[in-house]
Amino acid sequence: MMNPVKAFTLIALGLAKPEDVAGCLGRVSPCPSLEALCNGPQYIIEAILEDLELKRKVFADVERHAAPDAIFSSNTSAISITEIG
């Protein structure tokens, strides 16, 4: 879920309207487990620490649990996506 401070900053900078932020936050929900996460969504975004082995583990776990047609992306800046797997 978006940090409330970040949401306020987006509003203060004029990059978002309060009603837009509220709507966005209402569509985001944390998930208690990887298995539960992979049961429904077709688009999964990984945004964990920049740790190659950790990202490889998450990629492997998602691949094992997600639907074959699910789209899985990574929010990585320090690690080449080709190194992850």
C-alpha atoms as a PDB file:
ATOM      1  CA  MET A   1       0.000   0.000   0.000  1.00  0.00           C
ATOM      2  CA  MET A   2       1.231   3.504  -0.764  1.00  0.00           C
ATOM      3  CA  ASN A   3       2.863   5.292   2.114  1.00  0.00           C
ATOM      4  CA  PRO A   4       0.468   8.072   3.288  1.00  0.00           C
ATOM      5  CA  VAL A   5       3.376  10.543   3.353  1.00  0.00           C
ATOM      6  CA  LYS A   6       4.170   9.762  -0.276  1.00  0.00           C
ATOM      7  CA  ALA A   7       0.485  10.142  -1.191  1.00  0.00           C
ATOM      8  CA  PHE A   8       0.414  13.526   0.534  1.00  0.00           C
ATOM      9  CA  THR A   9       3.578  14.556  -1.317  1.00  0.00           C
ATOM     10  CA  LEU A  10       2.030  13.656  -4.674  1.00  0.00           C
ATOM     11  CA  ILE A  11      -0.981  15.811  -3.796  1.00  0.00           C
ATOM     12  CA  ALA A  12       1.182  18.689  -2.491  1.00  0.00           C
ATOM     13  CA  LEU A  13       3.229  18.703  -5.703  1.00  0.00           C
ATOM     14  CA  GLY A  14       0.099  18.788  -7.799  1.00  0.00           C
ATOM     15  CA  LEU A  15       0.839  15.379  -9.304  1.00  0.00           C
ATOM     16  CA  ALA A  16      -2.353  13.818  -7.975  1.00  0.00           C
ATOM     17  CA  LYS A  17      -5.749  14.877  -6.672  1.00  0.00           C
ATOM     18  CA  PRO A  18      -6.900  13.638  -3.252  1.00  0.00           C
ATOM     19  CA  GLU A  19      -9.738  11.682  -4.819  1.00  0.00           C
ATOM     20  CA  ASP A  20      -7.299  10.020  -7.247  1.00  0.00           C
ATOM     21  CA  VAL A  21      -5.002   8.906  -4.436  1.00  0.00           C
ATOM     22  CA  ALA A  22      -7.897   7.512  -2.418  1.00  0.00           C
ATOM     23  CA  GLY A  23      -9.120   5.546  -5.437  1.00  0.00           C
ATOM     24  CA  CYS A  24      -5.651   4.208  -6.146  1.00  0.00           C
ATOM     25  CA  LEU A  25      -5.074   3.120  -2.569  1.00  0.00           C
ATOM     26  CA  GLY A  26      -8.439   1.387  -2.619  1.00  0.00           C
ATOM     27  CA  ARG A  27      -7.280  -0.841  -5.498  1.00  0.00           C
ATOM     28  CA  VAL A  28      -4.035  -1.925  -3.846  1.00  0.00           C
ATOM     29  CA  SER A  29      -4.016  -4.699  -1.292  1.00  0.00           C
ATOM     30  CA  PRO A  30      -1.148  -6.461   0.449  1.00  0.00           C
ATOM     31  CA  CYS A  31      -1.103 -10.235   0.338  1.00  0.00           C
ATOM     32  CA  PRO A  32      -0.135 -12.515   3.236  1.00  0.00           C
ATOM     33  CA  SER A  33       1.558 -15.215   1.154  1.00  0.00           C
ATOM     34  CA  LEU A  34       3.012 -15.859  -2.269  1.00  0.00           C
ATOM     35  CA  GLU A  35       0.601 -18.736  -2.881  1.00  0.00           C
ATOM     36  CA  ALA A  36      -2.398 -16.497  -2.173  1.00  0.00           C
ATOM     37  CA  LEU A  37      -0.949 -13.759  -4.355  1.00  0.00           C
ATOM     38  CA  CYS A  38      -0.485 -16.046  -7.325  1.00  0.00           C
ATOM     39  CA  ASN A  39      -4.024 -17.463  -7.158  1.00  0.00           C
ATOM     40  CA  GLY A  40      -5.684 -14.556  -8.885  1.00  0.00           C
ATOM     41  CA  PRO A  41      -3.767 -11.698 -10.425  1.00  0.00           C
ATOM     42  CA  GLN A  42      -2.514 -11.776 -13.961  1.00  0.00           C
ATOM     43  CA  TYR A  43       0.058  -9.042 -13.362  1.00  0.00           C
ATOM     44  CA  ILE A  44       2.579  -9.292 -10.519  1.00  0.00           C
ATOM     45  CA  ILE A  45       5.210  -6.645  -9.747  1.00  0.00           C
ATOM     46  CA  GLU A  46       8.220  -7.626  -7.634  1.00  0.00           C
ATOM     47  CA  ALA A  47       9.731  -4.747  -5.670  1.00  0.00           C
ATOM     48  CA  ILE A  48      12.025  -6.278  -3.052  1.00  0.00           C
ATOM     49  CA  LEU A  49      15.561  -5.456  -1.954  1.00  0.00           C
ATOM     50  CA  GLU A  50      18.284  -5.297  -4.590  1.00  0.00           C
ATOM     51  CA  ASP A  51      19.633  -8.720  -3.621  1.00  0.00           C
ATOM     52  CA  LEU A  52      20.281 -11.037  -6.561  1.00  0.00           C
ATOM     53  CA  GLU A  53      19.773 -14.315  -4.693  1.00  0.00           C
ATOM     54  CA  LEU A  54      16.588 -13.058  -3.033  1.00  0.00           C
ATOM     55  CA  LYS A  55      15.187 -11.904  -6.382  1.00  0.00           C
ATOM     56  CA  ARG A  56      16.067 -15.267  -7.956  1.00  0.00           C
ATOM     57  CA  LYS A  57      14.218 -17.061  -5.155  1.00  0.00           C
ATOM     58  CA  VAL A  58      11.140 -14.877  -5.545  1.00  0.00           C
ATOM     59  CA  PHE A  59      11.169 -15.321  -9.340  1.00  0.00           C
ATOM     60  CA  ALA A  60      11.364 -19.111  -8.938  1.00  0.00           C
ATOM     61  CA  ASP A  61       8.588 -19.146  -6.333  1.00  0.00           C
ATOM     62  CA  VAL A  62       6.301 -16.971  -8.442  1.00  0.00           C
ATOM     63  CA  GLU A  63       6.955 -19.103 -11.511  1.00  0.00           C
ATOM     64  CA  ARG A  64       6.004 -22.203  -9.516  1.00  0.00           C
ATOM     65  CA  HIS A  65       2.706 -20.739  -8.225  1.00  0.00           C
ATOM     66  CA  ALA A  66       1.475 -18.261 -10.851  1.00  0.00           C
ATOM     67  CA  ALA A  67      -0.788 -19.022 -13.778  1.00  0.00           C
ATOM     68  CA  PRO A  68       1.115 -19.788 -16.997  1.00  0.00           C
ATOM     69  CA  ASP A  69      -0.198 -16.610 -18.646  1.00  0.00           C
ATOM     70  CA  ALA A  70       0.561 -14.293 -15.703  1.00  0.00           C
ATOM     71  CA  ILE A  71       2.854 -11.341 -16.360  1.00  0.00           C
ATOM     72  CA  PHE A  72       5.613 -10.939 -13.796  1.00  0.00           C
ATOM     73  CA  SER A  73       7.783  -7.829 -13.737  1.00  0.00           C
ATOM     74  CA  SER A  74      10.594  -6.583 -11.564  1.00  0.00           C
ATOM     75  CA  ASN A  75      11.301  -3.166 -10.141  1.00  0.00           C
ATOM     76  CA  THR A  76      15.070  -3.445 -10.227  1.00  0.00           C
ATOM     77  CA  SER A  77      17.624  -0.766 -10.954  1.00  0.00           C
ATOM     78  CA  ALA A  78      20.933  -2.198  -9.785  1.00  0.00           C
ATOM     79  CA  ILE A  79      20.594  -5.748 -11.128  1.00  0.00           C
ATOM     80  CA  SER A  80      20.259  -6.676 -14.773  1.00  0.00           C
ATOM     81  CA  ILE A  81      16.960  -8.445 -15.399  1.00  0.00           C
ATOM     82  CA  THR A  82      18.824 -11.075 -17.407  1.00  0.00           C
ATOM     83  CA  GLU A  83      20.898 -11.955 -14.318  1.00  0.00           C
ATOM     84  CA  ILE A  84      17.794 -12.692 -12.264  1.00  0.00           C
ATOM     85  CA  GLY A  85      16.411 -15.411 -14.438  1.00  0.00           C
END
